[in-house]
PDB file of N, CA and C in Angstrom:
ATOM      1  N   MET A   1      -7.827  37.802  10.671  1.00  0.00           N
ATOM      2  CA  MET A   1      -6.681  37.160  10.718  1.00  0.00           C
ATOM      3  C   MET A   1      -5.809  37.170  12.092  1.00  0.00           C
ATOM      4  N   THR A   2      -5.877  36.203  11.551  1.00  0.00           N
ATOM      5  CA  THR A   2      -4.058  35.919  12.463  1.00  0.00           C
ATOM      6  C   THR A   2      -2.611  35.936  11.755  1.00  0.00           C
ATOM      7  N   LYS A   3      -2.002  36.676  12.449  1.00  0.00           N
ATOM      8  CA  LYS A   3      -0.353  36.754  11.722  1.00  0.00           C
ATOM      9  C   LYS A   3       0.404  35.679  12.083  1.00  0.00           C
ATOM     10  N   ASN A   4       1.064  35.101  11.306  1.00  0.00           N
ATOM     11  CA  ASN A   4       1.912  33.752  11.907  1.00  0.00           C
ATOM     12  C   ASN A   4       3.694  33.891  12.169  1.00  0.00           C
ATOM     13  N   ASN A   5       3.597  33.986  13.456  1.00  0.00           N
ATOM     14  CA  ASN A   5       4.474  34.258  13.780  1.00  0.00           C
ATOM     15  C   ASN A   5       6.042  33.721  13.323  1.00  0.00           C
ATOM     16  N   LYS A   6       5.816  31.961  12.990  1.00  0.00           N
ATOM     17  CA  LYS A   6       6.421  30.789  12.888  1.00  0.00           C
ATOM     18  C   LYS A   6       8.031  31.062  12.533  1.00  0.00           C
ATOM     19  N   ASN A   7       8.940  30.929  12.792  1.00  0.00           N
ATOM     20  CA  ASN A   7      10.762  31.094  11.750  1.00  0.00           C
ATOM     21  C   ASN A   7      10.404  30.549  10.561  1.00  0.00           C
ATOM     22  N   PRO A   8      10.947  30.375   9.723  1.00  0.00           N
ATOM     23  CA  PRO A   8      11.517  29.784   8.518  1.00  0.00           C
ATOM     24  C   PRO A   8      11.666  28.286   9.218  1.00  0.00           C
ATOM     25  N   SER A   9      12.443  27.398   8.620  1.00  0.00           N
ATOM     26  CA  SER A   9      13.061  26.003   9.478  1.00  0.00           C
ATOM     27  C   SER A   9      13.723  26.624   8.394  1.00  0.00           C
ATOM     28  N   SER A  10      15.162  25.677   9.418  1.00  0.00           N
ATOM     29  CA  SER A  10      16.701  25.497   8.581  1.00  0.00           C
ATOM     30  C   SER A  10      16.864  23.979   8.579  1.00  0.00           C
ATOM     31  N   PRO A  11      17.850  24.379   7.406  1.00  0.00           N
ATOM     32  CA  PRO A  11      18.145  23.487   6.999  1.00  0.00           C
ATOM     33  C   PRO A  11      18.469  22.470   7.183  1.00  0.00           C
ATOM     34  N   THR A  12      17.413  21.122   7.334  1.00  0.00           N
ATOM     35  CA  THR A  12      18.428  19.814   7.995  1.00  0.00           C
ATOM     36  C   THR A  12      19.624  19.610   7.542  1.00  0.00           C
ATOM     37  N   ARG A  13      20.523  18.926   8.660  1.00  0.00           N
ATOM     38  CA  ARG A  13      21.733  18.293   8.965  1.00  0.00           C
ATOM     39  C   ARG A  13      21.754  17.913   9.272  1.00  0.00           C
ATOM     40  N   LEU A  14      22.392  17.122   8.328  1.00  0.00           N
ATOM     41  CA  LEU A  14      22.443  15.497   7.644  1.00  0.00           C
ATOM     42  C   LEU A  14      23.662  15.281   8.366  1.00  0.00           C
ATOM     43  N   THR A  15      22.580  14.012   9.234  1.00  0.00           N
ATOM     44  CA  THR A  15      23.568  13.573  10.426  1.00  0.00           C
ATOM     45  C   THR A  15      23.554  11.972  10.826  1.00  0.00           C
ATOM     46  N   LYS A  16      23.183  11.311   9.395  1.00  0.00           N
ATOM     47  CA  LYS A  16      22.994   9.964   9.274  1.00  0.00           C
ATOM     48  C   LYS A  16      24.414   9.248   9.080  1.00  0.00           C
ATOM     49  N   ASP A  17      25.104   8.624   9.346  1.00  0.00           N
ATOM     50  CA  ASP A  17      26.221   8.353   8.533  1.00  0.00           C
ATOM     51  C   ASP A  17      26.206   6.810   7.659  1.00  0.00           C
ATOM     52  N   TYR A  18      26.831   6.132   6.591  1.00  0.00           N
ATOM     53  CA  TYR A  18      27.119   5.698   5.689  1.00  0.00           C
ATOM     54  C   TYR A  18      26.365   4.503   6.119  1.00  0.00           C
ATOM     55  N   PRO A  19      25.535   4.401   5.453  1.00  0.00           N
ATOM     56  CA  PRO A  19      24.683   2.505   6.123  1.00  0.00           C
ATOM     57  C   PRO A  19      25.028   1.309   6.115  1.00  0.00           C
ATOM     58  N   ASN A  20      24.810   1.141   7.350  1.00  0.00           N
ATOM     59  CA  ASN A  20      24.915  -0.740   7.707  1.00  0.00           C
ATOM     60  C   ASN A  20      25.515  -1.495   6.582  1.00  0.00           C
ATOM     61  N   LYS A  21      26.128  -2.085   6.027  1.00  0.00           N
ATOM     62  CA  LYS A  21      26.300  -3.750   5.001  1.00  0.00           C
ATOM     63  C   LYS A  21      25.052  -4.711   5.324  1.00  0.00           C
ATOM     64  N   ASP A  22      25.229  -4.844   4.418  1.00  0.00           N
ATOM     65  CA  ASP A  22      23.756  -6.123   5.129  1.00  0.00           C
ATOM     66  C   ASP A  22      22.633  -5.141   4.517  1.00  0.00           C
ATOM     67  N   THR A  23      22.469  -4.842   4.281  1.00  0.00           N
ATOM     68  CA  THR A  23      20.924  -3.791   4.717  1.00  0.00           C
ATOM     69  C   THR A  23      20.761  -3.378   2.536  1.00  0.00           C
ATOM     70  N   LYS A  24      19.462  -3.365   2.294  1.00  0.00           N
ATOM     71  CA  LYS A  24      19.174  -3.204   1.131  1.00  0.00           C
ATOM     72  C   LYS A  24      20.052  -1.525   0.969  1.00  0.00           C
ATOM     73  N   TYR A  25      20.059  -0.678   1.795  1.00  0.00           N
ATOM     74  CA  TYR A  25      20.482   0.367   1.655  1.00  0.00           C
ATOM     75  C   TYR A  25      21.876   0.296   0.789  1.00  0.00           C
ATOM     76  N   TYR A  26      22.887   0.078   1.484  1.00  0.00           N
ATOM     77  CA  TYR A  26      24.098  -0.505   0.905  1.00  0.00           C
ATOM     78  C   TYR A  26      24.546  -0.834   0.214  1.00  0.00           C
ATOM     79  N   LYS A  27      23.601  -2.062   0.210  1.00  0.00           N
ATOM     80  CA  LYS A  27      24.156  -2.219  -1.133  1.00  0.00           C
ATOM     81  C   LYS A  27      23.662  -1.295  -2.478  1.00  0.00           C
ATOM     82  N   ILE A  28      22.682  -0.504  -2.618  1.00  0.00           N
ATOM     83  CA  ILE A  28      22.061  -0.010  -3.762  1.00  0.00           C
ATOM     84  C   ILE A  28      22.966   1.233  -3.879  1.00  0.00           C
ATOM     85  N   VAL A  29      23.634   2.092  -2.118  1.00  0.00           N
ATOM     86  CA  VAL A  29      24.403   3.186  -2.894  1.00  0.00           C
ATOM     87  C   VAL A  29      26.027   2.497  -3.162  1.00  0.00           C
ATOM     88  N   GLU A  30      26.071   1.198  -2.951  1.00  0.00           N
ATOM     89  CA  GLU A  30      27.418   0.619  -3.382  1.00  0.00           C
ATOM     90  C   GLU A  30      27.279   0.212  -4.533  1.00  0.00           C
ATOM     91  N   HIS A  31      26.555  -0.205  -5.352  1.00  0.00           N
ATOM     92  CA  HIS A  31      25.388  -0.425  -6.724  1.00  0.00           C
ATOM     93  C   HIS A  31      26.345   1.369  -7.560  1.00  0.00           C
ATOM     94  N   PHE A  32      25.324   1.966  -7.331  1.00  0.00           N
ATOM     95  CA  PHE A  32      25.430   3.363  -7.374  1.00  0.00           C
ATOM     96  C   PHE A  32      27.082   3.914  -7.524  1.00  0.00           C
ATOM     97  N   MET A  33      27.947   3.770  -6.193  1.00  0.00           N
ATOM     98  CA  MET A  33      29.489   4.430  -6.865  1.00  0.00           C
ATOM     99  C   MET A  33      30.057   4.151  -6.927  1.00  0.00           C
ATOM    100  N   SER A  34      29.467   2.470  -7.654  1.00  0.00           N
ATOM    101  CA  SER A  34      30.033   1.832  -8.632  1.00  0.00           C
ATOM    102  C   SER A  34      29.706   2.399  -9.852  1.00  0.00           C
ATOM    103  N   GLY A  35      29.812   2.834 -10.118  1.00  0.00           N
ATOM    104  CA  GLY A  35      28.939   3.916 -11.665  1.00  0.00           C
ATOM    105  C   GLY A  35      27.828   3.228 -12.176  1.00  0.00           C
ATOM    106  N   ASN A  36      27.069   2.235 -11.107  1.00  0.00           N
ATOM    107  CA  ASN A  36      26.573   1.101 -12.554  1.00  0.00           C
ATOM    108  C   ASN A  36      25.016   2.385 -12.256  1.00  0.00           C
ATOM    109  N   SER A  37      23.487   1.957 -12.824  1.00  0.00           N
ATOM    110  CA  SER A  37      22.432   2.162 -12.639  1.00  0.00           C
ATOM    111  C   SER A  37      20.944   1.621 -11.832  1.00  0.00           C
ATOM    112  N   LEU A  38      20.190   1.624 -12.325  1.00  0.00           N
ATOM    113  CA  LEU A  38      19.764   0.392 -11.814  1.00  0.00           C
ATOM    114  C   LEU A  38      18.336   1.004 -12.252  1.00  0.00           C
ATOM    115  N   ASN A  39      17.160  -0.967 -12.652  1.00  0.00           N
ATOM    116  CA  ASN A  39      15.466  -0.595 -12.331  1.00  0.00           C
ATOM    117  C   ASN A  39      14.976  -0.707 -11.752  1.00  0.00           C
ATOM    118  N   ARG A  40      13.877  -0.431 -11.144  1.00  0.00           N
ATOM    119  CA  ARG A  40      13.309  -2.127  -9.984  1.00  0.00           C
ATOM    120  C   ARG A  40      12.961  -3.068 -10.258  1.00  0.00           C
ATOM    121  N   PHE A  41      13.879  -3.676 -11.532  1.00  0.00           N
ATOM    122  CA  PHE A  41      13.640  -4.436 -11.603  1.00  0.00           C
ATOM    123  C   PHE A  41      14.706  -6.156 -11.981  1.00  0.00           C
ATOM    124  N   GLU A  42      16.381  -4.723 -11.794  1.00  0.00           N
ATOM    125  CA  GLU A  42      17.544  -5.168 -11.554  1.00  0.00           C
ATOM    126  C   GLU A  42      17.944  -5.001  -9.767  1.00  0.00           C
ATOM    127  N   ALA A  43      16.582  -4.333  -9.084  1.00  0.00           N
ATOM    128  CA  ALA A  43      17.463  -3.957  -7.775  1.00  0.00           C
ATOM    129  C   ALA A  43      16.456  -5.395  -7.196  1.00  0.00           C
ATOM    130  N   GLU A  44      15.676  -6.057  -7.663  1.00  0.00           N
ATOM    131  CA  GLU A  44      15.165  -7.088  -6.451  1.00  0.00           C
ATOM    132  C   GLU A  44      16.441  -8.069  -6.897  1.00  0.00           C
ATOM    133  N   LYS A  45      17.388  -8.061  -7.558  1.00  0.00           N
ATOM    134  CA  LYS A  45      18.673  -8.449  -7.253  1.00  0.00           C
ATOM    135  C   LYS A  45      19.317  -8.093  -5.873  1.00  0.00           C
ATOM    136  N   LEU A  46      19.685  -7.605  -6.242  1.00  0.00           N
ATOM    137  CA  LEU A  46      19.788  -6.749  -4.675  1.00  0.00           C
ATOM    138  C   LEU A  46      19.017  -6.638  -3.688  1.00  0.00           C
ATOM    139  N   GLY A  47      18.144  -7.348  -3.462  1.00  0.00           N
ATOM    140  CA  GLY A  47      17.043  -7.637  -2.514  1.00  0.00           C
ATOM    141  C   GLY A  47      15.841  -6.237  -1.961  1.00  0.00           C
ATOM    142  N   ASP A  48      15.738  -5.121  -3.084  1.00  0.00           N
ATOM    143  CA  ASP A  48      15.028  -3.878  -3.127  1.00  0.00           C
ATOM    144  C   ASP A  48      13.827  -4.296  -4.057  1.00  0.00           C
ATOM    145  N   HIS A  49      12.954  -4.893  -3.219  1.00  0.00           N
ATOM    146  CA  HIS A  49      11.238  -4.887  -3.848  1.00  0.00           C
ATOM    147  C   HIS A  49      10.476  -3.517  -4.224  1.00  0.00           C
ATOM    148  N   CYS A  50      11.158  -2.704  -3.818  1.00  0.00           N
ATOM    149  CA  CYS A  50      10.663  -1.286  -3.702  1.00  0.00           C
ATOM    150  C   CYS A  50      11.287   0.567  -3.853  1.00  0.00           C
ATOM    151  N   LEU A  51      12.378  -0.308  -4.869  1.00  0.00           N
ATOM    152  CA  LEU A  51      13.445   0.879  -5.093  1.00  0.00           C
ATOM    153  C   LEU A  51      12.764   2.294  -4.731  1.00  0.00           C
ATOM    154  N   ASN A  52      12.293   2.598  -6.428  1.00  0.00           N
ATOM    155  CA  ASN A  52      11.014   4.351  -5.368  1.00  0.00           C
ATOM    156  C   ASN A  52      11.303   4.748  -4.727  1.00  0.00           C
ATOM    157  N   SER A  53      10.814   3.947  -3.363  1.00  0.00           N
ATOM    158  CA  SER A  53      11.183   3.964  -2.003  1.00  0.00           C
ATOM    159  C   SER A  53      12.366   4.352  -1.639  1.00  0.00           C
ATOM    160  N   THR A  54      12.710   3.977  -2.074  1.00  0.00           N
ATOM    161  CA  THR A  54      14.497   3.672  -1.294  1.00  0.00           C
ATOM    162  C   THR A  54      15.779   5.010  -1.605  1.00  0.00           C
ATOM    163  N   VAL A  55      14.997   4.429  -3.464  1.00  0.00           N
ATOM    164  CA  VAL A  55      16.288   6.550  -3.625  1.00  0.00           C
ATOM    165  C   VAL A  55      15.622   8.182  -2.947  1.00  0.00           C
ATOM    166  N   PHE A  56      13.750   7.442  -2.449  1.00  0.00           N
ATOM    167  CA  PHE A  56      13.820   8.739  -2.112  1.00  0.00           C
ATOM    168  C   PHE A  56      14.131   8.606  -0.981  1.00  0.00           C
ATOM    169  N   SER A  57      13.891   7.541   0.113  1.00  0.00           N
ATOM    170  CA  SER A  57      15.073   7.338   1.394  1.00  0.00           C
ATOM    171  C   SER A  57      16.188   8.324   1.316  1.00  0.00           C
ATOM    172  N   LEU A  58      16.708   7.842   0.738  1.00  0.00           N
ATOM    173  CA  LEU A  58      18.508   8.368   0.267  1.00  0.00           C
ATOM    174  C   LEU A  58      18.325   9.583  -0.356  1.00  0.00           C
ATOM    175  N   CYS A  59      17.306  10.655  -1.534  1.00  0.00           N
ATOM    176  CA  CYS A  59      17.484  11.796  -0.857  1.00  0.00           C
ATOM    177  C   CYS A  59      17.005  12.321   0.252  1.00  0.00           C
ATOM    178  N   LYS A  60      16.010  12.122   0.485  1.00  0.00           N
ATOM    179  CA  LYS A  60      15.632  12.271   2.104  1.00  0.00           C
ATOM    180  C   LYS A  60      16.563  12.742   2.919  1.00  0.00           C
ATOM    181  N   ASP A  61      17.385  11.497   3.520  1.00  0.00           N
ATOM    182  CA  ASP A  61      18.169  11.431   4.812  1.00  0.00           C
ATOM    183  C   ASP A  61      19.747  11.679   4.254  1.00  0.00           C
ATOM    184  N   TYR A  62      19.984  11.580   3.104  1.00  0.00           N
ATOM    185  CA  TYR A  62      21.745  12.343   2.189  1.00  0.00           C
ATOM    186  C   TYR A  62      21.515  13.269   2.021  1.00  0.00           C
ATOM    187  N   GLY A  63      20.381  13.950   0.983  1.00  0.00           N
ATOM    188  CA  GLY A  63      21.114  15.275   0.373  1.00  0.00           C
ATOM    189  C   GLY A  63      21.051  14.757  -1.167  1.00  0.00           C
ATOM    190  N   LEU A  64      20.684  14.154  -1.284  1.00  0.00           N
ATOM    191  CA  LEU A  64      21.435  13.692  -2.732  1.00  0.00           C
ATOM    192  C   LEU A  64      20.605  13.854  -3.738  1.00  0.00           C
ATOM    193  N   GLU A  65      20.843  13.799  -5.353  1.00  0.00           N
ATOM    194  CA  GLU A  65      19.784  14.447  -6.123  1.00  0.00           C
ATOM    195  C   GLU A  65      19.850  12.520  -7.244  1.00  0.00           C
ATOM    196  N   ILE A  66      20.026  12.027  -7.069  1.00  0.00           N
ATOM    197  CA  ILE A  66      20.082  11.215  -7.790  1.00  0.00           C
ATOM    198  C   ILE A  66      18.751  11.807  -9.096  1.00  0.00           C
ATOM    199  N   PRO A  67      19.715  11.356 -10.526  1.00  0.00           N
ATOM    200  CA  PRO A  67      19.160  11.451 -10.658  1.00  0.00           C
ATOM    201  C   PRO A  67      18.529  10.322 -12.003  1.00  0.00           C
ATOM    202  N   ARG A  68      16.858  10.526 -12.479  1.00  0.00           N
ATOM    203  CA  ARG A  68      16.696   9.069 -13.159  1.00  0.00           C
ATOM    204  C   ARG A  68      15.926   9.639 -14.587  1.00  0.00           C
ATOM    205  N   HIS A  69      15.798   8.081 -15.516  1.00  0.00           N
ATOM    206  CA  HIS A  69      15.445   9.183 -16.924  1.00  0.00           C
ATOM    207  C   HIS A  69      14.244   6.805 -16.891  1.00  0.00           C
ATOM    208  N   SER A  70      13.361   8.198 -17.728  1.00  0.00           N
ATOM    209  CA  SER A  70      12.317   6.873 -18.085  1.00  0.00           C
ATOM    210  C   SER A  70      12.714   6.003 -19.117  1.00  0.00           C
ATOM    211  N   GLU A  71      11.828   4.415 -19.237  1.00  0.00           N
ATOM    212  CA  GLU A  71      13.034   3.775 -19.881  1.00  0.00           C
ATOM    213  C   GLU A  71      11.708   2.342 -19.419  1.00  0.00           C
ATOM    214  N   ARG A  72      11.877   2.240 -21.226  1.00  0.00           N
ATOM    215  CA  ARG A  72      10.723   1.282 -21.400  1.00  0.00           C
ATOM    216  C   ARG A  72      11.364  -0.579 -21.142  1.00  0.00           C
ATOM    217  N   VAL A  73      11.509  -1.565 -20.215  1.00  0.00           N
ATOM    218  CA  VAL A  73      12.371  -2.704 -20.655  1.00  0.00           C
ATOM    219  C   VAL A  73      10.909  -4.008 -20.983  1.00  0.00           C
ATOM    220  N   PRO A  74      11.463  -5.071 -21.267  1.00  0.00           N
ATOM    221  CA  PRO A  74      10.798  -5.959 -21.480  1.00  0.00           C
ATOM    222  C   PRO A  74       9.718  -6.312 -20.782  1.00  0.00           C
ATOM    223  N   ASN A  75       9.007  -7.278 -20.203  1.00  0.00           N
ATOM    224  CA  ASN A  75       8.071  -7.754 -19.513  1.00  0.00           C
ATOM    225  C   ASN A  75       7.834  -9.470 -20.310  1.00  0.00           C
ATOM    226  N   SER A  76       7.107 -10.496 -18.506  1.00  0.00           N
ATOM    227  CA  SER A  76       7.541 -11.585 -18.800  1.00  0.00           C
ATOM    228  C   SER A  76       5.582 -11.735 -19.537  1.00  0.00           C
ATOM    229  N   PHE A  77       5.221 -11.118 -20.047  1.00  0.00           N
ATOM    230  CA  PHE A  77       4.573 -10.937 -21.181  1.00  0.00           C
ATOM    231  C   PHE A  77       4.290  -9.885 -22.589  1.00  0.00           C
ATOM    232  N   GLY A  78       5.525 -10.610 -22.615  1.00  0.00           N
ATOM    233  CA  GLY A  78       6.027 -10.212 -24.536  1.00  0.00           C
ATOM    234  C   GLY A  78       5.348  -8.984 -24.911  1.00  0.00           C
ATOM    235  N   GLY A  79       4.821  -8.036 -23.660  1.00  0.00           N
ATOM    236  CA  GLY A  79       5.218  -6.449 -24.071  1.00  0.00           C
ATOM    237  C   GLY A  79       6.399  -5.091 -23.300  1.00  0.00           C
ATOM    238  N   THR A  80       6.123  -4.758 -23.009  1.00  0.00           N
ATOM    239  CA  THR A  80       6.642  -4.159 -22.431  1.00  0.00           C
ATOM    240  C   THR A  80       5.918  -3.049 -21.035  1.00  0.00           C
ATOM    241  N   SER A  81       7.103  -2.522 -20.151  1.00  0.00           N
ATOM    242  CA  SER A  81       6.943  -2.370 -19.151  1.00  0.00           C
ATOM    243  C   SER A  81       7.867  -0.563 -19.627  1.00  0.00           C
ATOM    244  N   LYS A  82       7.333   0.786 -18.571  1.00  0.00           N
ATOM    245  CA  LYS A  82       7.559   1.940 -18.415  1.00  0.00           C
ATOM    246  C   LYS A  82       8.711   1.845 -17.241  1.00  0.00           C
ATOM    247  N   VAL A  83       9.864   1.916 -16.895  1.00  0.00           N
ATOM    248  CA  VAL A  83      10.280   2.265 -15.247  1.00  0.00           C
ATOM    249  C   VAL A  83      11.713   2.965 -16.222  1.00  0.00           C
ATOM    250  N   THR A  84      11.625   3.295 -14.268  1.00  0.00           N
ATOM    251  CA  THR A  84      12.781   4.573 -14.348  1.00  0.00           C
ATOM    252  C   THR A  84      13.944   3.887 -13.905  1.00  0.00           C
ATOM    253  N   ARG A  85      14.997   4.257 -14.498  1.00  0.00           N
ATOM    254  CA  ARG A  85      15.982   3.862 -13.917  1.00  0.00           C
ATOM    255  C   ARG A  85      16.709   5.309 -13.226  1.00  0.00           C
ATOM    256  N   TYR A  86      17.591   4.802 -12.050  1.00  0.00           N
ATOM    257  CA  TYR A  86      17.906   5.524 -11.370  1.00  0.00           C
ATOM    258  C   TYR A  86      20.025   4.878 -10.953  1.00  0.00           C
ATOM    259  N   TYR A  87      20.524   7.002 -11.253  1.00  0.00           N
ATOM    260  CA  TYR A  87      22.505   6.668 -10.709  1.00  0.00           C
ATOM    261  C   TYR A  87      22.747   7.060 -10.121  1.00  0.00           C
ATOM    262  N   PHE A  88      24.079   7.718 -10.189  1.00  0.00           N
ATOM    263  CA  PHE A  88      24.790   8.411  -8.723  1.00  0.00           C
ATOM    264  C   PHE A  88      24.992   9.746  -9.919  1.00  0.00           C
ATOM    265  N   SER A  89      24.912  10.763  -9.230  1.00  0.00           N
ATOM    266  CA  SER A  89      25.139  11.946  -9.919  1.00  0.00           C
ATOM    267  C   SER A  89      26.521  12.505  -9.298  1.00  0.00           C
ATOM    268  N   GLY A  90      27.858  13.089 -10.192  1.00  0.00           N
ATOM    269  CA  GLY A  90      28.589  13.355  -9.540  1.00  0.00           C
ATOM    270  C   GLY A  90      28.690  13.934  -7.857  1.00  0.00           C
ATOM    271  N   LEU A  91      28.184  14.302  -7.877  1.00  0.00           N
ATOM    272  CA  LEU A  91      27.646  15.426  -6.377  1.00  0.00           C
ATOM    273  C   LEU A  91      27.518  14.073  -5.433  1.00  0.00           C
ATOM    274  N   ASP A  92      26.406  12.855  -6.033  1.00  0.00           N
ATOM    275  CA  ASP A  92      25.809  12.350  -5.083  1.00  0.00           C
ATOM    276  C   ASP A  92      27.158  10.985  -4.404  1.00  0.00           C
ATOM    277  N   VAL A  93      28.089  10.975  -5.370  1.00  0.00           N
ATOM    278  CA  VAL A  93      29.135  10.078  -4.712  1.00  0.00           C
ATOM    279  C   VAL A  93      30.289  11.163  -3.721  1.00  0.00           C
ATOM    280  N   LEU A  94      30.209  12.222  -4.142  1.00  0.00           N
ATOM    281  CA  LEU A  94      30.835  13.072  -3.806  1.00  0.00           C
ATOM    282  C   LEU A  94      30.615  13.226  -1.948  1.00  0.00           C
ATOM    283  N   ILE A  95      28.964  13.445  -2.260  1.00  0.00           N
ATOM    284  CA  ILE A  95      28.503  13.255   0.012  1.00  0.00           C
ATOM    285  C   ILE A  95      28.588  12.280   0.466  1.00  0.00           C
ATOM    286  N   MET A  96      28.295  10.701  -0.738  1.00  0.00           N
ATOM    287  CA  MET A  96      28.695   9.263  -0.283  1.00  0.00           C
ATOM    288  C   MET A  96      29.489   9.203   0.522  1.00  0.00           C
ATOM    289  N   SER A  97      31.150   9.333  -0.519  1.00  0.00           N
ATOM    290  CA  SER A  97      32.046   9.434  -0.945  1.00  0.00           C
ATOM    291  C   SER A  97      33.343  10.579   1.082  1.00  0.00           C
ATOM    292  N   SER A  98      32.042  11.212   1.298  1.00  0.00           N
ATOM    293  CA  SER A  98      32.404  12.227   2.138  1.00  0.00           C
ATOM    294  C   SER A  98      32.474  10.767   3.823  1.00  0.00           C
ATOM    295  N   ILE A  99      31.329  10.237   3.513  1.00  0.00           N
ATOM    296  CA  ILE A  99      30.700   9.627   4.737  1.00  0.00           C
ATOM    297  C   ILE A  99      31.734   8.319   5.125  1.00  0.00           C
ATOM    298  N   LYS A 100      31.717   7.966   3.899  1.00  0.00           N
ATOM    299  CA  LYS A 100      33.037   6.993   4.350  1.00  0.00           C
ATOM    300  C   LYS A 100      32.811   6.561   5.274  1.00  0.00           C
TER     301      LYS A 100
END
């Protein structure tokens, strides 16, 4: 058995700038920075067709926590669909404000 002599990774240093205007990331961040929340259907109006992936990228790239909770919303078939609602925490707002 060989010993793994690798050093543990150091924390990732965030080097991302604030998202560029006219991108879905900018629109989503600005929406959250205004104190609003979104689910996947509401995000469609902002041009985001896969909100969960956008939220994952924002968390990874900027070190955000982006809280979330499940909810049920009416669907076009007369029933309800389970979706996730996302919003910025106070820490998320501070992080994004510091790089704006």
